[in-house]
Amino acid sequence: MRYPRSIAPPAVRAAALAVTAAAGLLALAGCGSGPTIHAQQALFFRGRRLVIDDPGTGLRLVSGRGPGLRVQRWVSGTAARPGHATWTLSGDTLRLSVDCTGLVFHCGARFQVAVPAGLPLVVDGGSGTITAAGLRSPSVRVTSAEGSVDIGFSAAPRFVDIRCTDGSATARLPVTGAGYHVVVRSGTGSARSRVRDDRLSSRVVQVISSNNMAAVLAAS
């Protein structure tokens, strides 16, 4: 069958529509990602312990200087829209949040909190990864529903309690001149410790994962 020059055969029209639709999706995705936007703030803090409520961002903890908190964030896509990524300090609780609801092609958010040395720390995590390097907190409790947790210290803590439901759980401890009573358990994954268990030590480290790996390692 011959078609007028102004009318393309059905197969050609279908291919053209598919290409147009794909191009439209790519354009929308490009609009949704955009650049990564960085923001930071110093927060006045004089609490006796720091509680971080982090339902689902990527969180990194580092050792800070001085009594205040220094919070940074990197956001992109939907998370970079005004009001979609926030931090709020109320009393001794720092709440981090990111809103990725609606039509979302990309929503990226990660936070970093500098924790003052010597300050006890509690972190209540959700689905994001929680990591720490060089902490100098005497007491650290971290819980996570879905994300993995990896906490490293540069000063020997007195108490560590890391508990994950679906993610892996890891503690990295300084071992020179310090001993620990180590408890490491996993429900369905592997559980291992590279730090000697001293049951007489007053320093207690518990690392537990219900459905993933649990490990206690020597800090490098």
Protein backbone atom coordinates (compact mmCIF):
# COMPACT_ATOMS: atom_id res chain seq x y z
CA MET A 1 0.00 0.00 0.00
CA ARG A 2 1.29 3.41 -0.95
CA TYR A 3 0.90 6.36 1.45
CA PRO A 4 0.73 10.06 0.52
CA ARG A 5 4.01 11.85 1.09
CA SER A 6 2.50 13.77 4.02
CA ILE A 7 1.46 10.58 5.86
CA ALA A 8 4.09 8.18 7.25
CA PRO A 9 3.46 4.41 7.44
CA PRO A 10 2.23 3.15 10.88
CA ALA A 11 5.56 1.55 11.82
CA VAL A 12 7.41 4.80 11.15
CA ARG A 13 4.88 6.81 13.13
CA ALA A 14 5.13 4.39 16.10
CA ALA A 15 8.93 4.61 16.10
CA ALA A 16 8.79 8.39 15.98
CA LEU A 17 6.37 8.47 18.92
CA ALA A 18 8.60 6.15 20.95
CA VAL A 19 11.64 8.35 20.33
CA THR A 20 9.67 11.47 21.27
CA ALA A 21 8.40 9.87 24.48
CA ALA A 22 11.90 8.73 25.47
CA ALA A 23 13.28 12.18 24.81
CA GLY A 24 10.55 13.69 26.98
CA LEU A 25 11.36 11.36 29.88
CA LEU A 26 15.05 12.15 29.62
CA ALA A 27 14.29 15.85 29.64
CA LEU A 28 12.12 15.46 32.74
CA ALA A 29 14.77 13.39 34.48
CA GLY A 30 17.38 16.00 33.67
CA CYS A 31 15.18 18.70 35.13
CA GLY A 32 14.72 16.59 38.27
CA SER A 33 18.40 16.01 39.02
CA GLY A 34 20.16 19.33 38.63
CA PRO A 35 23.30 20.41 40.52
CA THR A 36 24.24 19.43 44.06
CA ILE A 37 23.63 22.28 46.50
CA HIS A 38 25.73 22.58 49.66
CA ALA A 39 24.70 24.40 52.83
CA GLN A 40 26.21 24.57 56.31
CA GLN A 41 25.38 26.09 59.69
CA ALA A 42 26.90 26.38 63.14
CA LEU A 43 24.36 25.67 65.89
CA PHE A 44 24.66 26.78 69.50
CA PHE A 45 24.53 23.71 71.75
CA ARG A 46 25.04 23.17 75.49
CA GLY A 47 23.21 19.90 76.07
CA ARG A 48 24.65 17.06 78.13
CA ARG A 49 24.14 14.61 75.27
CA LEU A 50 23.28 14.87 71.58
CA VAL A 51 20.34 13.00 70.07
CA ILE A 52 20.14 12.85 66.27
CA ASP A 53 16.84 11.85 64.67
CA ASP A 54 17.58 10.83 61.08
CA PRO A 55 14.69 8.96 59.43
CA GLY A 56 16.22 8.44 56.01
CA THR A 57 19.16 10.57 54.86
CA GLY A 58 22.78 9.56 54.41
CA LEU A 59 24.51 10.67 57.63
CA ARG A 60 28.22 11.05 58.35
CA LEU A 61 29.51 11.89 61.84
CA VAL A 62 32.90 13.43 62.54
CA SER A 63 34.61 14.77 65.64
CA GLY A 64 34.03 18.49 66.13
CA ARG A 65 35.87 21.28 67.88
CA GLY A 66 34.34 23.38 70.63
CA PRO A 67 30.92 23.04 72.26
CA GLY A 68 28.74 23.90 69.25
CA LEU A 69 27.43 21.77 66.40
CA ARG A 70 28.43 22.20 62.80
CA VAL A 71 25.92 20.75 60.34
CA GLN A 72 26.40 20.44 56.59
CA ARG A 73 24.20 19.03 53.84
CA TRP A 74 24.48 18.21 50.16
CA VAL A 75 21.18 17.94 48.28
CA SER A 76 20.13 17.48 44.67
CA GLY A 77 16.99 16.91 42.62
CA THR A 78 13.73 17.08 44.57
CA ALA A 79 15.64 17.38 47.86
CA ALA A 80 17.15 20.68 46.66
CA ARG A 81 13.77 22.38 46.39
CA PRO A 82 13.01 24.96 49.09
CA GLY A 83 11.87 23.32 52.32
CA HIS A 84 12.52 19.74 51.17
CA ALA A 85 15.66 19.21 53.30
CA THR A 86 15.83 20.62 56.81
CA TRP A 87 17.66 20.46 60.13
CA THR A 88 16.08 21.55 63.41
CA LEU A 89 17.68 21.70 66.85
CA SER A 90 15.28 21.51 69.79
CA GLY A 91 16.84 21.05 73.23
CA ASP A 92 19.33 18.22 72.89
CA THR A 93 17.71 16.73 69.72
CA LEU A 94 18.84 17.48 66.17
CA ARG A 95 16.23 16.43 63.61
CA LEU A 96 17.28 15.88 60.01
CA SER A 97 14.70 15.40 57.28
CA VAL A 98 14.31 15.18 53.52
CA ASP A 99 11.04 15.14 51.56
CA CYS A 100 11.15 12.97 48.42
CA THR A 101 7.40 12.66 47.85
CA GLY A 102 5.50 13.47 44.66
CA LEU A 103 6.74 12.97 41.10
CA VAL A 104 10.40 12.21 41.75
CA PHE A 105 13.09 11.38 39.18
CA HIS A 106 16.00 12.09 41.53
CA CYS A 107 16.19 12.99 45.22
CA GLY A 108 19.64 12.99 46.83
CA ALA A 109 20.50 14.13 50.34
CA ARG A 110 23.38 13.54 52.73
CA PHE A 111 24.23 15.29 55.99
CA GLN A 112 27.40 15.65 58.05
CA VAL A 113 27.38 16.52 61.75
CA ALA A 114 30.50 17.46 63.72
CA VAL A 115 30.00 16.07 67.23
CA PRO A 116 31.85 17.83 70.09
CA ALA A 117 34.46 15.65 71.79
CA GLY A 118 33.34 14.13 75.10
CA LEU A 119 29.63 14.42 74.31
CA PRO A 120 27.47 11.27 74.64
CA LEU A 121 25.67 10.51 71.39
CA VAL A 122 22.39 8.81 70.46
CA VAL A 123 21.38 8.30 66.81
CA ASP A 124 17.97 7.03 65.74
CA GLY A 125 18.25 6.08 62.07
CA GLY A 126 15.79 4.86 59.48
CA SER A 127 16.70 3.82 55.94
CA GLY A 128 19.90 5.78 55.29
CA THR A 129 23.51 4.77 55.85
CA ILE A 130 25.18 6.08 59.03
CA THR A 131 28.97 6.33 59.16
CA ALA A 132 31.41 7.92 61.58
CA ALA A 133 35.14 8.52 61.66
CA GLY A 134 37.35 9.71 64.51
CA LEU A 135 34.61 10.04 67.13
CA ARG A 136 35.68 11.03 70.64
CA SER A 137 32.36 10.38 72.36
CA PRO A 138 32.44 8.33 75.59
CA SER A 139 29.03 6.75 74.96
CA VAL A 140 27.39 6.02 71.59
CA ARG A 141 24.04 4.37 70.89
CA VAL A 142 22.92 3.90 67.28
CA THR A 143 19.80 2.16 65.99
CA SER A 144 18.85 1.70 62.34
CA ALA A 145 15.85 0.05 60.71
CA GLU A 146 17.09 -0.51 57.15
CA GLY A 147 20.41 1.28 56.68
CA SER A 148 23.92 0.07 57.48
CA VAL A 149 25.95 1.53 60.37
CA ASP A 150 29.75 1.86 60.53
CA ILE A 151 31.10 3.81 63.53
CA GLY A 152 34.81 4.55 64.01
CA PHE A 153 36.49 6.03 67.09
CA SER A 154 39.79 7.81 67.67
CA ALA A 155 39.43 7.72 71.49
CA ALA A 156 38.41 4.62 73.44
CA PRO A 157 34.68 4.81 74.31
CA ARG A 158 33.23 3.54 77.58
CA PHE A 159 30.00 2.24 76.03
CA VAL A 160 28.92 1.42 72.48
CA ASP A 161 25.56 -0.06 71.44
CA ILE A 162 24.88 -0.49 67.69
CA ARG A 163 21.71 -2.27 66.61
CA CYS A 164 20.50 -2.75 63.03
CA THR A 165 17.47 -4.58 61.70
CA ASP A 166 18.29 -5.08 57.99
CA GLY A 167 21.62 -3.29 57.54
CA SER A 168 25.13 -4.32 58.54
CA ALA A 169 26.54 -3.12 61.88
CA THR A 170 30.22 -2.30 62.46
CA ALA A 171 32.25 -0.68 65.25
CA ARG A 172 35.93 0.29 64.83
CA LEU A 173 37.77 0.69 68.13
CA PRO A 174 41.20 1.95 69.24
CA VAL A 175 42.89 -1.00 70.93
CA THR A 176 46.16 0.47 72.19
CA GLY A 177 45.95 0.68 75.98
CA ALA A 178 42.23 -0.17 76.07
CA GLY A 179 40.30 -3.39 76.58
CA TYR A 180 36.61 -4.05 75.89
CA HIS A 181 33.94 -6.51 76.84
CA VAL A 182 32.70 -7.31 73.31
CA VAL A 183 29.29 -8.68 72.36
CA VAL A 184 28.73 -9.21 68.62
CA ARG A 185 25.69 -11.05 67.24
CA SER A 186 23.80 -11.56 63.98
CA GLY A 187 20.50 -13.28 63.36
CA THR A 188 21.03 -14.42 59.76
CA GLY A 189 24.44 -12.99 58.77
CA SER A 190 28.02 -13.43 59.94
CA ALA A 191 29.24 -12.12 63.31
CA ARG A 192 32.95 -11.57 63.96
CA SER A 193 35.26 -9.62 66.23
CA ARG A 194 38.89 -8.72 65.62
CA VAL A 195 39.07 -7.16 69.09
CA ARG A 196 39.76 -9.43 72.05
CA ASP A 197 36.84 -9.87 74.44
CA ASP A 198 37.89 -8.86 77.96
CA ARG A 199 34.95 -9.81 80.17
CA LEU A 200 36.45 -7.94 83.13
CA SER A 201 36.68 -4.63 81.27
CA SER A 202 34.39 -1.77 82.26
CA ARG A 203 34.25 -0.72 78.60
CA VAL A 204 31.30 -2.48 76.92
CA VAL A 205 30.74 -2.77 73.17
CA GLN A 206 27.59 -4.37 71.73
CA VAL A 207 27.15 -4.70 67.96
CA ILE A 208 24.04 -6.53 66.77
CA SER A 209 22.31 -7.00 63.40
CA SER A 210 19.14 -9.00 62.95
CA ASN A 211 19.45 -9.74 59.22
CA ASN A 212 22.97 -8.77 58.14
CA MET A 213 26.65 -8.82 59.10
CA ALA A 214 27.89 -7.64 62.52
CA ALA A 215 31.55 -6.85 63.15
CA VAL A 216 33.88 -5.31 65.73
CA LEU A 217 37.19 -4.25 64.22
CA ALA A 218 40.36 -2.47 65.33
CA ALA A 219 40.46 1.17 64.19
CA SER A 220 43.13 1.81 61.60
